[in-house]
Amino acid sequence: LYVANSGGYRAMYGGDYDNTVSVIDLSTFTLKCTIEVAVNLF
């Protein structure tokens, strides 16, 4: 399962946008890896 992370709230409060896609292994439902992509993914 590939998940687009935005960091939208974080940026609203002075932080940075997220720039990653989280990858979940569905056989174990655990985080497999994180892919750096671009800011504010949707």
All heavy atoms as atom14 arrays in JSON, in Angstrom:
{
  "sequence": "LYVANSGGYRAMYGGDYDNTVSVIDLSTFTLKCTIEVAVNLF",
  "atom14_mask": [
    [1, 1, 1, 1, 1, 1, 1, 1, 0, 0, 0, 0, 0, 0],
    [1, 1, 1, 1, 1, 1, 1, 1, 1, 1, 1, 1, 0, 0],
    [1, 1, 1, 1, 1, 1, 1, 0, 0, 0, 0, 0, 0, 0],
    [1, 1, 1, 1, 1, 0, 0, 0, 0, 0, 0, 0, 0, 0],
    [1, 1, 1, 1, 1, 1, 1, 1, 0, 0, 0, 0, 0, 0],
    [1, 1, 1, 1, 1, 1, 0, 0, 0, 0, 0, 0, 0, 0],
    [1, 1, 1, 1, 0, 0, 0, 0, 0, 0, 0, 0, 0, 0],
    [1, 1, 1, 1, 0, 0, 0, 0, 0, 0, 0, 0, 0, 0],
    [1, 1, 1, 1, 1, 1, 1, 1, 1, 1, 1, 1, 0, 0],
    [1, 1, 1, 1, 1, 1, 1, 1, 1, 1, 1, 0, 0, 0],
    [1, 1, 1, 1, 1, 0, 0, 0, 0, 0, 0, 0, 0, 0],
    [1, 1, 1, 1, 1, 1, 1, 1, 0, 0, 0, 0, 0, 0],
    [1, 1, 1, 1, 1, 1, 1, 1, 1, 1, 1, 1, 0, 0],
    [1, 1, 1, 1, 0, 0, 0, 0, 0, 0, 0, 0, 0, 0],
    [1, 1, 1, 1, 0, 0, 0, 0, 0, 0, 0, 0, 0, 0],
    [1, 1, 1, 1, 1, 1, 1, 1, 0, 0, 0, 0, 0, 0],
    [1, 1, 1, 1, 1, 1, 1, 1, 1, 1, 1, 1, 0, 0],
    [1, 1, 1, 1, 1, 1, 1, 1, 0, 0, 0, 0, 0, 0],
    [1, 1, 1, 1, 1, 1, 1, 1, 0, 0, 0, 0, 0, 0],
    [1, 1, 1, 1, 1, 1, 1, 0, 0, 0, 0, 0, 0, 0],
    [1, 1, 1, 1, 1, 1, 1, 0, 0, 0, 0, 0, 0, 0],
    [1, 1, 1, 1, 1, 1, 0, 0, 0, 0, 0, 0, 0, 0],
    [1, 1, 1, 1, 1, 1, 1, 0, 0, 0, 0, 0, 0, 0],
    [1, 1, 1, 1, 1, 1, 1, 1, 0, 0, 0, 0, 0, 0],
    [1, 1, 1, 1, 1, 1, 1, 1, 0, 0, 0, 0, 0, 0],
    [1, 1, 1, 1, 1, 1, 1, 1, 0, 0, 0, 0, 0, 0],
    [1, 1, 1, 1, 1, 1, 0, 0, 0, 0, 0, 0, 0, 0],
    [1, 1, 1, 1, 1, 1, 1, 0, 0, 0, 0, 0, 0, 0],
    [1, 1, 1, 1, 1, 1, 1, 1, 1, 1, 1, 0, 0, 0],
    [1, 1, 1, 1, 1, 1, 1, 0, 0, 0, 0, 0, 0, 0],
    [1, 1, 1, 1, 1, 1, 1, 1, 0, 0, 0, 0, 0, 0],
    [1, 1, 1, 1, 1, 1, 1, 1, 1, 0, 0, 0, 0, 0],
    [1, 1, 1, 1, 1, 1, 0, 0, 0, 0, 0, 0, 0, 0],
    [1, 1, 1, 1, 1, 1, 1, 0, 0, 0, 0, 0, 0, 0],
    [1, 1, 1, 1, 1, 1, 1, 1, 0, 0, 0, 0, 0, 0],
    [1, 1, 1, 1, 1, 1, 1, 1, 1, 0, 0, 0, 0, 0],
    [1, 1, 1, 1, 1, 1, 1, 0, 0, 0, 0, 0, 0, 0],
    [1, 1, 1, 1, 1, 0, 0, 0, 0, 0, 0, 0, 0, 0],
    [1, 1, 1, 1, 1, 1, 1, 0, 0, 0, 0, 0, 0, 0],
    [1, 1, 1, 1, 1, 1, 1, 1, 0, 0, 0, 0, 0, 0],
    [1, 1, 1, 1, 1, 1, 1, 1, 0, 0, 0, 0, 0, 0],
    [1, 1, 1, 1, 1, 1, 1, 1, 1, 1, 1, 0, 0, 0]
  ],
  "atom14_positions": [
    [[0.85, -1.18, 0.0], [0.0, 0.0, 0.0], [0.89, 1.24, 0.0], [1.76, 1.4, 0.87], [-0.9, 0.01, 1.24], [-1.88, 1.18, 1.36], [-2.95, 1.1, 0.27], [-2.54, 1.2, 2.74], [0.0, 0.0, 0.0], [0.0, 0.0, 0.0], [0.0, 0.0, 0.0], [0.0, 0.0, 0.0], [0.0, 0.0, 0.0], [0.0, 0.0, 0.0]],
    [[0.69, 2.1, -0.99], [1.48, 3.32, -1.13], [0.64, 4.51, -0.63], [-0.51, 4.68, -1.04], [1.9, 3.51, -2.59], [2.88, 2.45, -3.04], [2.45, 1.17, -3.38], [4.25, 2.71, -3.08], [3.34, 0.18, -3.75], [5.15, 1.74, -3.46], [4.7, 0.47, -3.79], [5.6, -0.5, -4.15], [0.0, 0.0, 0.0], [0.0, 0.0, 0.0]],
    [[1.23, 5.32, 0.23], [0.5, 6.39, 0.91], [1.17, 7.73, 0.64], [2.37, 7.91, 0.93], [0.44, 6.14, 2.43], [-0.46, 7.18, 3.1], [-0.03, 4.73, 2.74], [0.0, 0.0, 0.0], [0.0, 0.0, 0.0], [0.0, 0.0, 0.0], [0.0, 0.0, 0.0], [0.0, 0.0, 0.0], [0.0, 0.0, 0.0], [0.0, 0.0, 0.0]],
    [[0.43, 8.68, 0.08], [0.97, 10.02, -0.2], [0.86, 10.88, 1.05], [-0.24, 11.15, 1.54], [0.2, 10.67, -1.35], [0.0, 0.0, 0.0], [0.0, 0.0, 0.0], [0.0, 0.0, 0.0], [0.0, 0.0, 0.0], [0.0, 0.0, 0.0], [0.0, 0.0, 0.0], [0.0, 0.0, 0.0], [0.0, 0.0, 0.0], [0.0, 0.0, 0.0]],
    [[2.0, 11.32, 1.58], [2.02, 12.16, 2.78], [2.16, 13.63, 2.39], [3.06, 13.99, 1.64], [3.19, 11.75, 3.68], [3.1, 10.29, 4.1], [2.07, 9.84, 4.59], [4.17, 9.54, 3.89], [0.0, 0.0, 0.0], [0.0, 0.0, 0.0], [0.0, 0.0, 0.0], [0.0, 0.0, 0.0], [0.0, 0.0, 0.0], [0.0, 0.0, 0.0]],
    [[1.29, 14.48, 2.94], [1.28, 15.89, 2.55], [2.02, 16.79, 3.54], [2.73, 17.71, 3.14], [-0.16, 16.38, 2.4], [-0.8, 16.46, 3.67], [0.0, 0.0, 0.0], [0.0, 0.0, 0.0], [0.0, 0.0, 0.0], [0.0, 0.0, 0.0], [0.0, 0.0, 0.0], [0.0, 0.0, 0.0], [0.0, 0.0, 0.0], [0.0, 0.0, 0.0]],
    [[1.82, 16.56, 4.84], [2.36, 17.49, 5.83], [1.65, 18.83, 5.81], [2.2, 19.84, 6.25], [0.0, 0.0, 0.0], [0.0, 0.0, 0.0], [0.0, 0.0, 0.0], [0.0, 0.0, 0.0], [0.0, 0.0, 0.0], [0.0, 0.0, 0.0], [0.0, 0.0, 0.0], [0.0, 0.0, 0.0], [0.0, 0.0, 0.0], [0.0, 0.0, 0.0]],
    [[0.39, 18.84, 5.32], [-0.34, 20.1, 5.18], [-0.56, 20.84, 6.48], [-0.32, 22.06, 6.57], [0.0, 0.0, 0.0], [0.0, 0.0, 0.0], [0.0, 0.0, 0.0], [0.0, 0.0, 0.0], [0.0, 0.0, 0.0], [0.0, 0.0, 0.0], [0.0, 0.0, 0.0], [0.0, 0.0, 0.0], [0.0, 0.0, 0.0], [0.0, 0.0, 0.0]],
    [[-1.01, 20.16, 7.51], [-1.21, 20.81, 8.81], [0.13, 21.29, 9.37], [0.22, 22.35, 9.97], [-1.83, 19.84, 9.81], [-3.31, 19.62, 9.67], [-4.05, 20.22, 8.65], [-3.99, 18.81, 10.56], [-5.39, 20.0, 8.52], [-5.35, 18.59, 10.46], [-6.06, 19.19, 9.43], [-7.4, 18.97, 9.32], [0.0, 0.0, 0.0], [0.0, 0.0, 0.0]],
    [[1.15, 20.47, 9.2], [2.47, 20.8, 9.72], [2.96, 22.13, 9.13], [3.5, 22.98, 9.84], [3.42, 19.66, 9.37], [4.66, 19.55, 10.23], [5.24, 18.16, 10.08], [6.54, 18.06, 10.73], [7.69, 17.89, 10.1], [7.71, 17.8, 8.79], [8.81, 17.8, 10.77], [0.0, 0.0, 0.0], [0.0, 0.0, 0.0], [0.0, 0.0, 0.0]],
    [[2.77, 22.3, 7.83], [3.19, 23.53, 7.18], [2.36, 24.72, 7.65], [2.87, 25.85, 7.75], [3.07, 23.38, 5.66], [0.0, 0.0, 0.0], [0.0, 0.0, 0.0], [0.0, 0.0, 0.0], [0.0, 0.0, 0.0], [0.0, 0.0, 0.0], [0.0, 0.0, 0.0], [0.0, 0.0, 0.0], [0.0, 0.0, 0.0], [0.0, 0.0, 0.0]],
    [[1.08, 24.49, 7.95], [0.23, 25.57, 8.44], [0.75, 26.15, 9.75], [0.56, 27.34, 10.05], [-1.19, 25.05, 8.67], [-2.03, 24.87, 7.42], [-3.61, 24.04, 7.78], [-4.26, 25.1, 9.07], [0.0, 0.0, 0.0], [0.0, 0.0, 0.0], [0.0, 0.0, 0.0], [0.0, 0.0, 0.0], [0.0, 0.0, 0.0], [0.0, 0.0, 0.0]],
    [[1.41, 25.32, 10.54], [1.89, 25.76, 11.85], [3.4, 25.99, 11.88], [4.04, 25.86, 12.9], [1.48, 24.74, 12.92], [0.0, 24.79, 13.22], [-0.9, 23.99, 12.51], [-0.5, 25.66, 14.18], [-2.26, 24.06, 12.77], [-1.86, 25.74, 14.44], [-2.73, 24.93, 13.73], [-4.09, 25.0, 13.99], [0.0, 0.0, 0.0], [0.0, 0.0, 0.0]],
    [[3.96, 26.32, 10.7], [5.35, 26.75, 10.65], [6.37, 25.67, 10.38], [7.57, 25.95, 10.29], [0.0, 0.0, 0.0], [0.0, 0.0, 0.0], [0.0, 0.0, 0.0], [0.0, 0.0, 0.0], [0.0, 0.0, 0.0], [0.0, 0.0, 0.0], [0.0, 0.0, 0.0], [0.0, 0.0, 0.0], [0.0, 0.0, 0.0], [0.0, 0.0, 0.0]],
    [[5.94, 24.43, 10.21], [6.86, 23.34, 9.91], [7.04, 23.16, 8.41], [6.65, 24.02, 7.61], [0.0, 0.0, 0.0], [0.0, 0.0, 0.0], [0.0, 0.0, 0.0], [0.0, 0.0, 0.0], [0.0, 0.0, 0.0], [0.0, 0.0, 0.0], [0.0, 0.0, 0.0], [0.0, 0.0, 0.0], [0.0, 0.0, 0.0], [0.0, 0.0, 0.0]],
    [[7.62, 22.04, 8.02], [7.85, 21.73, 6.61], [6.79, 20.79, 6.09], [6.26, 19.94, 6.82], [9.23, 21.09, 6.43], [10.36, 22.03, 6.8], [10.22, 23.24, 6.55], [11.38, 21.54, 7.34], [0.0, 0.0, 0.0], [0.0, 0.0, 0.0], [0.0, 0.0, 0.0], [0.0, 0.0, 0.0], [0.0, 0.0, 0.0], [0.0, 0.0, 0.0]],
    [[6.5, 20.9, 4.79], [5.65, 19.9, 4.14], [6.38, 18.55, 4.17], [7.61, 18.49, 4.16], [5.38, 20.28, 2.69], [4.39, 21.39, 2.51], [4.79, 22.66, 2.09], [3.03, 21.18, 2.73], [3.88, 23.68, 1.91], [2.11, 22.19, 2.54], [2.54, 23.45, 2.13], [1.63, 24.46, 1.96], [0.0, 0.0, 0.0], [0.0, 0.0, 0.0]],
    [[5.61, 17.49, 4.21], [6.2, 16.16, 4.03], [6.55, 15.99, 2.56], [5.96, 16.65, 1.69], [5.2, 15.08, 4.48], [5.87, 13.77, 4.88], [6.91, 13.45, 4.29], [5.34, 13.09, 5.77], [0.0, 0.0, 0.0], [0.0, 0.0, 0.0], [0.0, 0.0, 0.0], [0.0, 0.0, 0.0], [0.0, 0.0, 0.0], [0.0, 0.0, 0.0]],
    [[7.5, 15.11, 2.28], [7.89, 14.87, 0.88], [8.05, 13.38, 0.61], [8.83, 12.98, -0.24], [9.2, 15.6, 0.56], [10.39, 15.04, 1.32], [10.23, 14.35, 2.32], [11.6, 15.34, 0.85], [0.0, 0.0, 0.0], [0.0, 0.0, 0.0], [0.0, 0.0, 0.0], [0.0, 0.0, 0.0], [0.0, 0.0, 0.0], [0.0, 0.0, 0.0]],
    [[7.29, 12.56, 1.34], [7.49, 11.11, 1.25], [6.23, 10.34, 0.9], [5.11, 10.79, 1.15], [8.02, 10.56, 2.59], [7.02, 10.74, 3.61], [9.3, 11.25, 3.0], [0.0, 0.0, 0.0], [0.0, 0.0, 0.0], [0.0, 0.0, 0.0], [0.0, 0.0, 0.0], [0.0, 0.0, 0.0], [0.0, 0.0, 0.0], [0.0, 0.0, 0.0]],
    [[6.45, 9.17, 0.34], [5.43, 8.14, 0.18], [5.78, 7.01, 1.14], [6.9, 6.49, 1.11], [5.37, 7.63, -1.27], [4.54, 6.34, -1.35], [4.78, 8.69, -2.18], [0.0, 0.0, 0.0], [0.0, 0.0, 0.0], [0.0, 0.0, 0.0], [0.0, 0.0, 0.0], [0.0, 0.0, 0.0], [0.0, 0.0, 0.0], [0.0, 0.0, 0.0]],
    [[4.85, 6.66, 2.01], [5.04, 5.51, 2.91], [4.6, 4.24, 2.2], [3.56, 4.23, 1.52], [4.24, 5.69, 4.19], [4.66, 6.83, 4.92], [0.0, 0.0, 0.0], [0.0, 0.0, 0.0], [0.0, 0.0, 0.0], [0.0, 0.0, 0.0], [0.0, 0.0, 0.0], [0.0, 0.0, 0.0], [0.0, 0.0, 0.0], [0.0, 0.0, 0.0]],
    [[5.39, 3.18, 2.32], [5.08, 1.9, 1.68], [4.81, 0.87, 2.76], [5.69, 0.56, 3.58], [6.24, 1.44, 0.78], [5.86, 0.15, 0.05], [6.6, 2.54, -0.23], [0.0, 0.0, 0.0], [0.0, 0.0, 0.0], [0.0, 0.0, 0.0], [0.0, 0.0, 0.0], [0.0, 0.0, 0.0], [0.0, 0.0, 0.0], [0.0, 0.0, 0.0]],
    [[3.6, 0.33, 2.77], [3.19, -0.65, 3.78], [3.14, -2.04, 3.15], [2.51, -2.24, 2.1], [1.81, -0.29, 4.36], [1.86, 1.08, 5.05], [1.33, -1.36, 5.34], [0.5, 1.58, 5.52], [0.0, 0.0, 0.0], [0.0, 0.0, 0.0], [0.0, 0.0, 0.0], [0.0, 0.0, 0.0], [0.0, 0.0, 0.0], [0.0, 0.0, 0.0]],
    [[3.81, -3.01, 3.78], [3.72, -4.41, 3.37], [2.39, -4.95, 3.86], [2.14, -5.05, 5.06], [4.88, -5.19, 4.0], [4.91, -6.65, 3.54], [3.85, -7.18, 3.15], [5.99, -7.26, 3.6], [0.0, 0.0, 0.0], [0.0, 0.0, 0.0], [0.0, 0.0, 0.0], [0.0, 0.0, 0.0], [0.0, 0.0, 0.0], [0.0, 0.0, 0.0]],
    [[1.49, -5.29, 2.93], [0.15, -5.7, 3.32], [0.1, -7.09, 3.94], [-0.86, -7.41, 4.64], [-0.79, -5.61, 2.11], [-1.08, -4.19, 1.62], [-1.98, -4.2, 0.4], [-1.71, -3.35, 2.73], [0.0, 0.0, 0.0], [0.0, 0.0, 0.0], [0.0, 0.0, 0.0], [0.0, 0.0, 0.0], [0.0, 0.0, 0.0], [0.0, 0.0, 0.0]],
    [[1.11, -7.91, 3.71], [1.11, -9.24, 4.31], [1.33, -9.17, 5.82], [0.86, -10.03, 6.57], [2.19, -10.13, 3.67], [3.49, -9.61, 3.94], [0.0, 0.0, 0.0], [0.0, 0.0, 0.0], [0.0, 0.0, 0.0], [0.0, 0.0, 0.0], [0.0, 0.0, 0.0], [0.0, 0.0, 0.0], [0.0, 0.0, 0.0], [0.0, 0.0, 0.0]],
    [[2.03, -8.14, 6.27], [2.29, -7.97, 7.71], [1.67, -6.7, 8.26], [1.63, -6.5, 9.47], [3.81, -7.92, 7.97], [4.37, -6.79, 7.26], [4.48, -9.2, 7.5], [0.0, 0.0, 0.0], [0.0, 0.0, 0.0], [0.0, 0.0, 0.0], [0.0, 0.0, 0.0], [0.0, 0.0, 0.0], [0.0, 0.0, 0.0], [0.0, 0.0, 0.0]],
    [[1.19, -5.85, 7.38], [0.66, -4.52, 7.7], [1.64, -3.73, 8.56], [1.31, -3.19, 9.61], [-0.71, -4.59, 8.37], [-1.5, -3.31, 8.21], [-1.79, -2.82, 6.95], [-1.93, -2.58, 9.31], [-2.49, -1.63, 6.77], [-2.63, -1.39, 9.15], [-2.92, -0.92, 7.89], [0.0, 0.0, 0.0], [0.0, 0.0, 0.0], [0.0, 0.0, 0.0]],
    [[2.87, -3.7, 8.09], [3.94, -2.92, 8.74], [4.61, -2.05, 7.69], [4.59, -2.37, 6.49], [4.99, -3.82, 9.4], [5.54, -4.71, 8.42], [4.37, -4.63, 10.54], [0.0, 0.0, 0.0], [0.0, 0.0, 0.0], [0.0, 0.0, 0.0], [0.0, 0.0, 0.0], [0.0, 0.0, 0.0], [0.0, 0.0, 0.0], [0.0, 0.0, 0.0]],
    [[5.25, -0.98, 8.14], [5.94, -0.07, 7.23], [7.16, -0.76, 6.64], [8.06, -1.19, 7.35], [6.36, 1.2, 7.97], [6.93, 2.32, 7.1], [5.88, 2.88, 6.16], [7.5, 3.43, 7.99], [0.0, 0.0, 0.0], [0.0, 0.0, 0.0], [0.0, 0.0, 0.0], [0.0, 0.0, 0.0], [0.0, 0.0, 0.0], [0.0, 0.0, 0.0]],
    [[7.2, -0.86, 5.31], [8.32, -1.51, 4.62], [9.44, -0.53, 4.35], [10.61, -0.81, 4.59], [7.84, -2.13, 3.31], [8.93, -2.79, 2.48], [8.37, -3.36, 1.19], [9.45, -4.05, 0.38], [10.43, -3.09, -0.17], [0.0, 0.0, 0.0], [0.0, 0.0, 0.0], [0.0, 0.0, 0.0], [0.0, 0.0, 0.0], [0.0, 0.0, 0.0]],
    [[9.1, 0.65, 3.81], [10.1, 1.65, 3.49], [9.42, 2.99, 3.26], [8.18, 3.09, 3.22], [10.93, 1.25, 2.27], [9.99, 1.15, 0.72], [0.0, 0.0, 0.0], [0.0, 0.0, 0.0], [0.0, 0.0, 0.0], [0.0, 0.0, 0.0], [0.0, 0.0, 0.0], [0.0, 0.0, 0.0], [0.0, 0.0, 0.0], [0.0, 0.0, 0.0]],
    [[10.23, 4.01, 3.1], [9.74, 5.36, 2.81], [10.49, 5.88, 1.58], [11.7, 5.78, 1.5], [9.98, 6.3, 4.0], [9.27, 5.79, 5.14], [9.46, 7.69, 3.7], [0.0, 0.0, 0.0], [0.0, 0.0, 0.0], [0.0, 0.0, 0.0], [0.0, 0.0, 0.0], [0.0, 0.0, 0.0], [0.0, 0.0, 0.0], [0.0, 0.0, 0.0]],
    [[9.75, 6.43, 0.62], [10.32, 6.93, -0.62], [10.26, 8.46, -0.62], [9.17, 9.04, -0.47], [9.56, 6.39, -1.85], [9.42, 4.86, -1.79], [10.26, 6.81, -3.14], [8.47, 4.31, -2.85], [0.0, 0.0, 0.0], [0.0, 0.0, 0.0], [0.0, 0.0, 0.0], [0.0, 0.0, 0.0], [0.0, 0.0, 0.0], [0.0, 0.0, 0.0]],
    [[11.4, 9.12, -0.78], [11.4, 10.58, -0.92], [10.95, 10.93, -2.33], [11.5, 10.44, -3.32], [12.79, 11.15, -0.64], [13.18, 11.1, 0.82], [14.42, 11.94, 1.11], [14.83, 12.72, 0.23], [14.95, 11.81, 2.22], [0.0, 0.0, 0.0], [0.0, 0.0, 0.0], [0.0, 0.0, 0.0], [0.0, 0.0, 0.0], [0.0, 0.0, 0.0]],
    [[9.93, 11.79, -2.43], [9.35, 12.09, -3.74], [9.38, 13.6, -4.03], [10.23, 14.08, -4.76], [7.91, 11.54, -3.84], [7.31, 11.83, -5.21], [7.91, 10.03, -3.59], [0.0, 0.0, 0.0], [0.0, 0.0, 0.0], [0.0, 0.0, 0.0], [0.0, 0.0, 0.0], [0.0, 0.0, 0.0], [0.0, 0.0, 0.0], [0.0, 0.0, 0.0]],
    [[8.44, 14.33, -3.45], [8.35, 15.78, -3.64], [7.48, 16.32, -2.52], [6.81, 15.56, -1.81], [7.73, 16.11, -5.01], [0.0, 0.0, 0.0], [0.0, 0.0, 0.0], [0.0, 0.0, 0.0], [0.0, 0.0, 0.0], [0.0, 0.0, 0.0], [0.0, 0.0, 0.0], [0.0, 0.0, 0.0], [0.0, 0.0, 0.0], [0.0, 0.0, 0.0]],
    [[7.44, 17.64, -2.35], [6.73, 18.2, -1.2], [5.22, 18.21, -1.41], [4.73, 18.29, -2.53], [7.2, 19.64, -0.89], [8.7, 19.66, -0.6], [6.86, 20.6, -2.01], [0.0, 0.0, 0.0], [0.0, 0.0, 0.0], [0.0, 0.0, 0.0], [0.0, 0.0, 0.0], [0.0, 0.0, 0.0], [0.0, 0.0, 0.0], [0.0, 0.0, 0.0]],
    [[4.51, 18.07, -0.28], [3.06, 18.27, -0.26], [2.34, 17.33, -1.23], [1.62, 17.76, -2.12], [2.74, 19.72, -0.58], [1.31, 20.11, -0.24], [0.59, 19.36, 0.42], [0.92, 21.3, -0.68], [0.0, 0.0, 0.0], [0.0, 0.0, 0.0], [0.0, 0.0, 0.0], [0.0, 0.0, 0.0], [0.0, 0.0, 0.0], [0.0, 0.0, 0.0]],
    [[2.53, 16.03, -1.03], [1.92, 15.03, -1.91], [0.42, 14.92, -1.64], [-0.04, 15.09, -0.52], [2.59, 13.68, -1.71], [4.11, 13.65, -2.0], [4.68, 12.28, -1.7], [4.39, 14.05, -3.44], [0.0, 0.0, 0.0], [0.0, 0.0, 0.0], [0.0, 0.0, 0.0], [0.0, 0.0, 0.0], [0.0, 0.0, 0.0], [0.0, 0.0, 0.0]],
    [[-0.31, 14.6, -2.7], [-1.77, 14.51, -2.53], [-2.38, 13.36, -3.31], [-2.82, 12.38, -2.76], [-2.44, 15.83, -2.94], [-3.94, 15.73, -3.0], [-4.68, 15.59, -1.84], [-4.62, 15.75, -4.21], [-6.06, 15.46, -1.88], [-5.99, 15.63, -4.28], [-6.72, 15.49, -3.11], [0.0, 0.0, 0.0], [0.0, 0.0, 0.0], [0.0, 0.0, 0.0]]
  ]
}
